[in-house]
């Protein structure tokens, strides 16, 4: 018997990634519907700035050519959630900006209030890149790391070849 897992004809990894990204959409949709964040909840969202459908100001894409982390907390406006994307207004160094981000571009969603984190595998084009992305730049403090791993969902479908 061999220990290699056969390649599946069903794209489970894509299906799971899509379902987890739908969680982000539902959470942001609730925030939009309720007109704000409940309690102390706030979100750190990391996304690929060069991914298809991402629309951010040029000065931000120049500064963050690969990945960027934003914070949805006190100072955001015009949150609009659609089936496959969201848009939000944020301030960067006291300069307002409108961001359009497809859920498919998101690599990390983190709510430090309850230590809930979703991590998404990078697209195949990004697997070899190991550069760290810059800290969140929209006038908020950096996220505290999850130490105990509670409420963290990480899906890695890499296979040994």
C-alpha atoms as a PDB file:
ATOM      1  CA  UNK A   1       0.000   0.000   0.000  1.00  0.00           C
ATOM      2  CA  UNK A   2       1.147   3.510  -0.692  1.00  0.00           C
ATOM      3  CA  UNK A   3       0.749   6.491   1.612  1.00  0.00           C
ATOM      4  CA  UNK A   4       0.049   8.937  -1.217  1.00  0.00           C
ATOM      5  CA  UNK A   5      -3.422  10.397  -1.317  1.00  0.00           C
ATOM      6  CA  UNK A   6      -4.935  10.084  -4.773  1.00  0.00           C
ATOM      7  CA  UNK A   7      -5.854  13.292  -6.578  1.00  0.00           C
ATOM      8  CA  UNK A   8      -9.540  13.968  -6.129  1.00  0.00           C
ATOM      9  CA  UNK A   9     -11.788  14.548  -9.081  1.00  0.00           C
ATOM     10  CA  UNK A  10     -13.879  16.757  -6.794  1.00  0.00           C
ATOM     11  CA  UNK A  11     -12.286  20.164  -6.043  1.00  0.00           C
ATOM     12  CA  UNK A  12     -12.828  19.973  -2.274  1.00  0.00           C
ATOM     13  CA  UNK A  13     -10.204  22.601  -1.524  1.00  0.00           C
ATOM     14  CA  UNK A  14     -11.885  25.160  -3.793  1.00  0.00           C
ATOM     15  CA  UNK A  15     -15.325  24.342  -2.379  1.00  0.00           C
ATOM     16  CA  UNK A  16     -14.141  24.762   1.225  1.00  0.00           C
ATOM     17  CA  UNK A  17     -12.287  28.001   0.461  1.00  0.00           C
ATOM     18  CA  UNK A  18     -15.391  29.420  -1.208  1.00  0.00           C
ATOM     19  CA  UNK A  19     -17.579  28.426   1.757  1.00  0.00           C
ATOM     20  CA  UNK A  20     -15.190  30.003   4.280  1.00  0.00           C
ATOM     21  CA  UNK A  21     -15.053  33.217   2.276  1.00  0.00           C
ATOM     22  CA  UNK A  22     -18.860  33.232   2.345  1.00  0.00           C
ATOM     23  CA  UNK A  23     -18.573  33.392   6.154  1.00  0.00           C
ATOM     24  CA  UNK A  24     -16.667  36.670   5.777  1.00  0.00           C
ATOM     25  CA  UNK A  25     -19.389  37.968   3.452  1.00  0.00           C
ATOM     26  CA  UNK A  26     -22.133  37.028   5.881  1.00  0.00           C
ATOM     27  CA  UNK A  27     -20.362  38.670   8.825  1.00  0.00           C
ATOM     28  CA  UNK A  28     -19.743  41.887   6.889  1.00  0.00           C
ATOM     29  CA  UNK A  29     -23.338  41.764   5.629  1.00  0.00           C
ATOM     30  CA  UNK A  30     -24.583  41.690   9.230  1.00  0.00           C
ATOM     31  CA  UNK A  31     -22.433  44.713  10.059  1.00  0.00           C
ATOM     32  CA  UNK A  32     -23.843  46.544   7.038  1.00  0.00           C
ATOM     33  CA  UNK A  33     -27.426  45.574   7.926  1.00  0.00           C
ATOM     34  CA  UNK A  34     -27.055  46.603  11.582  1.00  0.00           C
ATOM     35  CA  UNK A  35     -25.266  49.857  10.782  1.00  0.00           C
ATOM     36  CA  UNK A  36     -22.133  49.061  12.779  1.00  0.00           C
ATOM     37  CA  UNK A  37     -20.141  46.559  14.756  1.00  0.00           C
ATOM     38  CA  UNK A  38     -21.611  44.975  17.891  1.00  0.00           C
ATOM     39  CA  UNK A  39     -19.745  45.318  21.181  1.00  0.00           C
ATOM     40  CA  UNK A  40     -15.986  45.259  20.873  1.00  0.00           C
ATOM     41  CA  UNK A  41     -15.912  43.296  17.618  1.00  0.00           C
ATOM     42  CA  UNK A  42     -13.592  44.574  14.913  1.00  0.00           C
ATOM     43  CA  UNK A  43     -11.890  42.943  11.966  1.00  0.00           C
ATOM     44  CA  UNK A  44      -8.441  42.715  10.468  1.00  0.00           C
ATOM     45  CA  UNK A  45      -8.730  41.735   6.823  1.00  0.00           C
ATOM     46  CA  UNK A  46      -5.660  40.879   4.770  1.00  0.00           C
ATOM     47  CA  UNK A  47      -6.027  40.710   1.005  1.00  0.00           C
ATOM     48  CA  UNK A  48      -3.955  40.451  -2.155  1.00  0.00           C
ATOM     49  CA  UNK A  49      -3.750  43.961  -3.589  1.00  0.00           C
ATOM     50  CA  UNK A  50      -3.017  42.716  -7.101  1.00  0.00           C
ATOM     51  CA  UNK A  51      -5.837  40.163  -7.228  1.00  0.00           C
ATOM     52  CA  UNK A  52      -8.459  40.401  -9.953  1.00  0.00           C
ATOM     53  CA  UNK A  53     -11.240  42.808  -9.038  1.00  0.00           C
ATOM     54  CA  UNK A  54      -9.368  44.653  -6.271  1.00  0.00           C
ATOM     55  CA  UNK A  55      -9.835  48.393  -6.690  1.00  0.00           C
ATOM     56  CA  UNK A  56      -7.857  50.573  -4.285  1.00  0.00           C
ATOM     57  CA  UNK A  57      -6.195  53.988  -4.687  1.00  0.00           C
ATOM     58  CA  UNK A  58      -2.901  53.938  -6.582  1.00  0.00           C
ATOM     59  CA  UNK A  59      -0.893  55.264  -3.628  1.00  0.00           C
ATOM     60  CA  UNK A  60      -1.996  52.210  -1.617  1.00  0.00           C
ATOM     61  CA  UNK A  61      -1.284  49.675  -4.357  1.00  0.00           C
ATOM     62  CA  UNK A  62       2.132  51.304  -4.864  1.00  0.00           C
ATOM     63  CA  UNK A  63       2.857  51.038  -1.151  1.00  0.00           C
ATOM     64  CA  UNK A  64       1.459  47.504  -0.854  1.00  0.00           C
ATOM     65  CA  UNK A  65       2.112  45.758  -4.177  1.00  0.00           C
ATOM     66  CA  UNK A  66       1.400  42.259  -2.812  1.00  0.00           C
ATOM     67  CA  UNK A  67      -0.723  42.214   0.364  1.00  0.00           C
ATOM     68  CA  UNK A  68      -2.375  44.717   2.639  1.00  0.00           C
ATOM     69  CA  UNK A  69      -4.179  44.502   5.979  1.00  0.00           C
ATOM     70  CA  UNK A  70      -7.073  46.816   6.777  1.00  0.00           C
ATOM     71  CA  UNK A  71      -8.981  47.301  10.017  1.00  0.00           C
ATOM     72  CA  UNK A  72     -12.752  47.615  10.176  1.00  0.00           C
ATOM     73  CA  UNK A  73     -13.412  49.154  13.598  1.00  0.00           C
ATOM     74  CA  UNK A  74     -14.525  52.667  14.518  1.00  0.00           C
ATOM     75  CA  UNK A  75     -13.662  54.817  11.526  1.00  0.00           C
ATOM     76  CA  UNK A  76     -15.156  53.237   8.433  1.00  0.00           C
ATOM     77  CA  UNK A  77     -18.069  54.278   6.241  1.00  0.00           C
ATOM     78  CA  UNK A  78     -20.180  53.228   3.269  1.00  0.00           C
ATOM     79  CA  UNK A  79     -19.780  49.491   3.880  1.00  0.00           C
ATOM     80  CA  UNK A  80     -21.580  47.719   1.050  1.00  0.00           C
ATOM     81  CA  UNK A  81     -21.557  43.950   0.749  1.00  0.00           C
ATOM     82  CA  UNK A  82     -22.360  42.065  -2.426  1.00  0.00           C
ATOM     83  CA  UNK A  83     -22.346  38.348  -3.141  1.00  0.00           C
ATOM     84  CA  UNK A  84     -18.730  38.244  -4.308  1.00  0.00           C
ATOM     85  CA  UNK A  85     -17.162  41.426  -2.870  1.00  0.00           C
ATOM     86  CA  UNK A  86     -17.397  44.305  -0.447  1.00  0.00           C
ATOM     87  CA  UNK A  87     -16.532  47.961  -0.542  1.00  0.00           C
ATOM     88  CA  UNK A  88     -15.693  50.217   2.352  1.00  0.00           C
ATOM     89  CA  UNK A  89     -14.415  53.721   3.051  1.00  0.00           C
ATOM     90  CA  UNK A  90     -11.375  53.987   5.313  1.00  0.00           C
ATOM     91  CA  UNK A  91      -8.891  56.630   6.355  1.00  0.00           C
ATOM     92  CA  UNK A  92      -5.165  56.192   5.633  1.00  0.00           C
ATOM     93  CA  UNK A  93      -3.005  58.819   7.332  1.00  0.00           C
ATOM     94  CA  UNK A  94      -6.094  61.049   7.588  1.00  0.00           C
ATOM     95  CA  UNK A  95      -6.784  60.653   3.841  1.00  0.00           C
ATOM     96  CA  UNK A  96     -10.136  59.048   2.936  1.00  0.00           C
ATOM     97  CA  UNK A  97     -10.116  56.157   0.475  1.00  0.00           C
ATOM     98  CA  UNK A  98     -12.705  53.813  -1.007  1.00  0.00           C
ATOM     99  CA  UNK A  99     -11.680  50.155  -1.343  1.00  0.00           C
ATOM    100  CA  UNK A 100     -13.407  47.463  -3.431  1.00  0.00           C
ATOM    101  CA  UNK A 101     -12.289  43.984  -2.402  1.00  0.00           C
ATOM    102  CA  UNK A 102     -13.518  40.665  -3.830  1.00  0.00           C
ATOM    103  CA  UNK A 103     -13.826  37.915  -1.218  1.00  0.00           C
ATOM    104  CA  UNK A 104     -11.550  35.796  -3.432  1.00  0.00           C
ATOM    105  CA  UNK A 105      -8.680  38.243  -2.735  1.00  0.00           C
ATOM    106  CA  UNK A 106      -8.885  37.813   1.061  1.00  0.00           C
ATOM    107  CA  UNK A 107      -6.152  35.728   2.696  1.00  0.00           C
ATOM    108  CA  UNK A 108      -6.898  36.370   6.396  1.00  0.00           C
ATOM    109  CA  UNK A 109      -9.974  37.461   8.360  1.00  0.00           C
ATOM    110  CA  UNK A 110      -9.459  38.014  12.095  1.00  0.00           C
ATOM    111  CA  UNK A 111     -11.802  39.235  14.851  1.00  0.00           C
ATOM    112  CA  UNK A 112      -9.581  39.783  17.918  1.00  0.00           C
ATOM    113  CA  UNK A 113     -12.587  40.337  20.205  1.00  0.00           C
ATOM    114  CA  UNK A 114     -13.324  36.601  20.120  1.00  0.00           C
ATOM    115  CA  UNK A 115     -10.000  35.380  18.663  1.00  0.00           C
ATOM    116  CA  UNK A 116     -11.761  34.086  15.550  1.00  0.00           C
ATOM    117  CA  UNK A 117      -9.572  33.736  12.499  1.00  0.00           C
ATOM    118  CA  UNK A 118      -9.973  32.350   9.007  1.00  0.00           C
ATOM    119  CA  UNK A 119      -6.904  31.833   6.846  1.00  0.00           C
ATOM    120  CA  UNK A 120      -7.209  31.169   3.159  1.00  0.00           C
ATOM    121  CA  UNK A 121      -4.637  29.474   0.999  1.00  0.00           C
ATOM    122  CA  UNK A 122      -2.929  31.749  -1.452  1.00  0.00           C
ATOM    123  CA  UNK A 123      -3.536  31.225  -5.125  1.00  0.00           C
ATOM    124  CA  UNK A 124      -0.996  29.062  -6.946  1.00  0.00           C
ATOM    125  CA  UNK A 125       0.688  32.191  -8.330  1.00  0.00           C
ATOM    126  CA  UNK A 126       1.447  33.380  -4.793  1.00  0.00           C
ATOM    127  CA  UNK A 127       2.692  30.138  -3.218  1.00  0.00           C
ATOM    128  CA  UNK A 128       6.374  30.935  -3.787  1.00  0.00           C
ATOM    129  CA  UNK A 129       6.175  34.439  -2.366  1.00  0.00           C
ATOM    130  CA  UNK A 130       7.214  34.576   1.262  1.00  0.00           C
ATOM    131  CA  UNK A 131       7.465  38.316   1.786  1.00  0.00           C
ATOM    132  CA  UNK A 132       5.634  39.586   4.846  1.00  0.00           C
ATOM    133  CA  UNK A 133       2.997  42.218   4.230  1.00  0.00           C
ATOM    134  CA  UNK A 134       2.952  45.560   5.934  1.00  0.00           C
ATOM    135  CA  UNK A 135       1.002  46.196   9.090  1.00  0.00           C
ATOM    136  CA  UNK A 136      -2.490  47.581   8.892  1.00  0.00           C
ATOM    137  CA  UNK A 137      -2.169  51.150   7.740  1.00  0.00           C
ATOM    138  CA  UNK A 138      -5.577  52.630   8.320  1.00  0.00           C
ATOM    139  CA  UNK A 139      -4.932  54.423  11.607  1.00  0.00           C
ATOM    140  CA  UNK A 140      -5.390  51.448  13.950  1.00  0.00           C
ATOM    141  CA  UNK A 141      -3.016  49.471  16.215  1.00  0.00           C
ATOM    142  CA  UNK A 142      -1.584  46.155  15.062  1.00  0.00           C
ATOM    143  CA  UNK A 143      -3.470  42.912  15.756  1.00  0.00           C
ATOM    144  CA  UNK A 144      -2.433  40.800  18.681  1.00  0.00           C
ATOM    145  CA  UNK A 145      -1.499  37.268  17.619  1.00  0.00           C
ATOM    146  CA  UNK A 146      -3.727  34.366  18.611  1.00  0.00           C
ATOM    147  CA  UNK A 147      -1.686  32.472  21.161  1.00  0.00           C
ATOM    148  CA  UNK A 148      -3.881  29.548  22.075  1.00  0.00           C
ATOM    149  CA  UNK A 149      -5.222  28.839  18.588  1.00  0.00           C
ATOM    150  CA  UNK A 150      -8.828  28.936  19.752  1.00  0.00           C
ATOM    151  CA  UNK A 151     -11.412  29.681  17.081  1.00  0.00           C
ATOM    152  CA  UNK A 152      -8.773  29.573  14.346  1.00  0.00           C
ATOM    153  CA  UNK A 153      -9.653  27.822  11.124  1.00  0.00           C
ATOM    154  CA  UNK A 154      -6.766  27.187   8.791  1.00  0.00           C
ATOM    155  CA  UNK A 155      -7.180  25.074   5.703  1.00  0.00           C
ATOM    156  CA  UNK A 156      -4.083  23.867   3.888  1.00  0.00           C
ATOM    157  CA  UNK A 157      -4.610  21.497   1.021  1.00  0.00           C
ATOM    158  CA  UNK A 158      -0.988  21.174  -0.029  1.00  0.00           C
ATOM    159  CA  UNK A 159      -0.059  17.685  -1.013  1.00  0.00           C
ATOM    160  CA  UNK A 160       3.238  15.873  -0.705  1.00  0.00           C
ATOM    161  CA  UNK A 161       4.511  15.084  -4.166  1.00  0.00           C
END
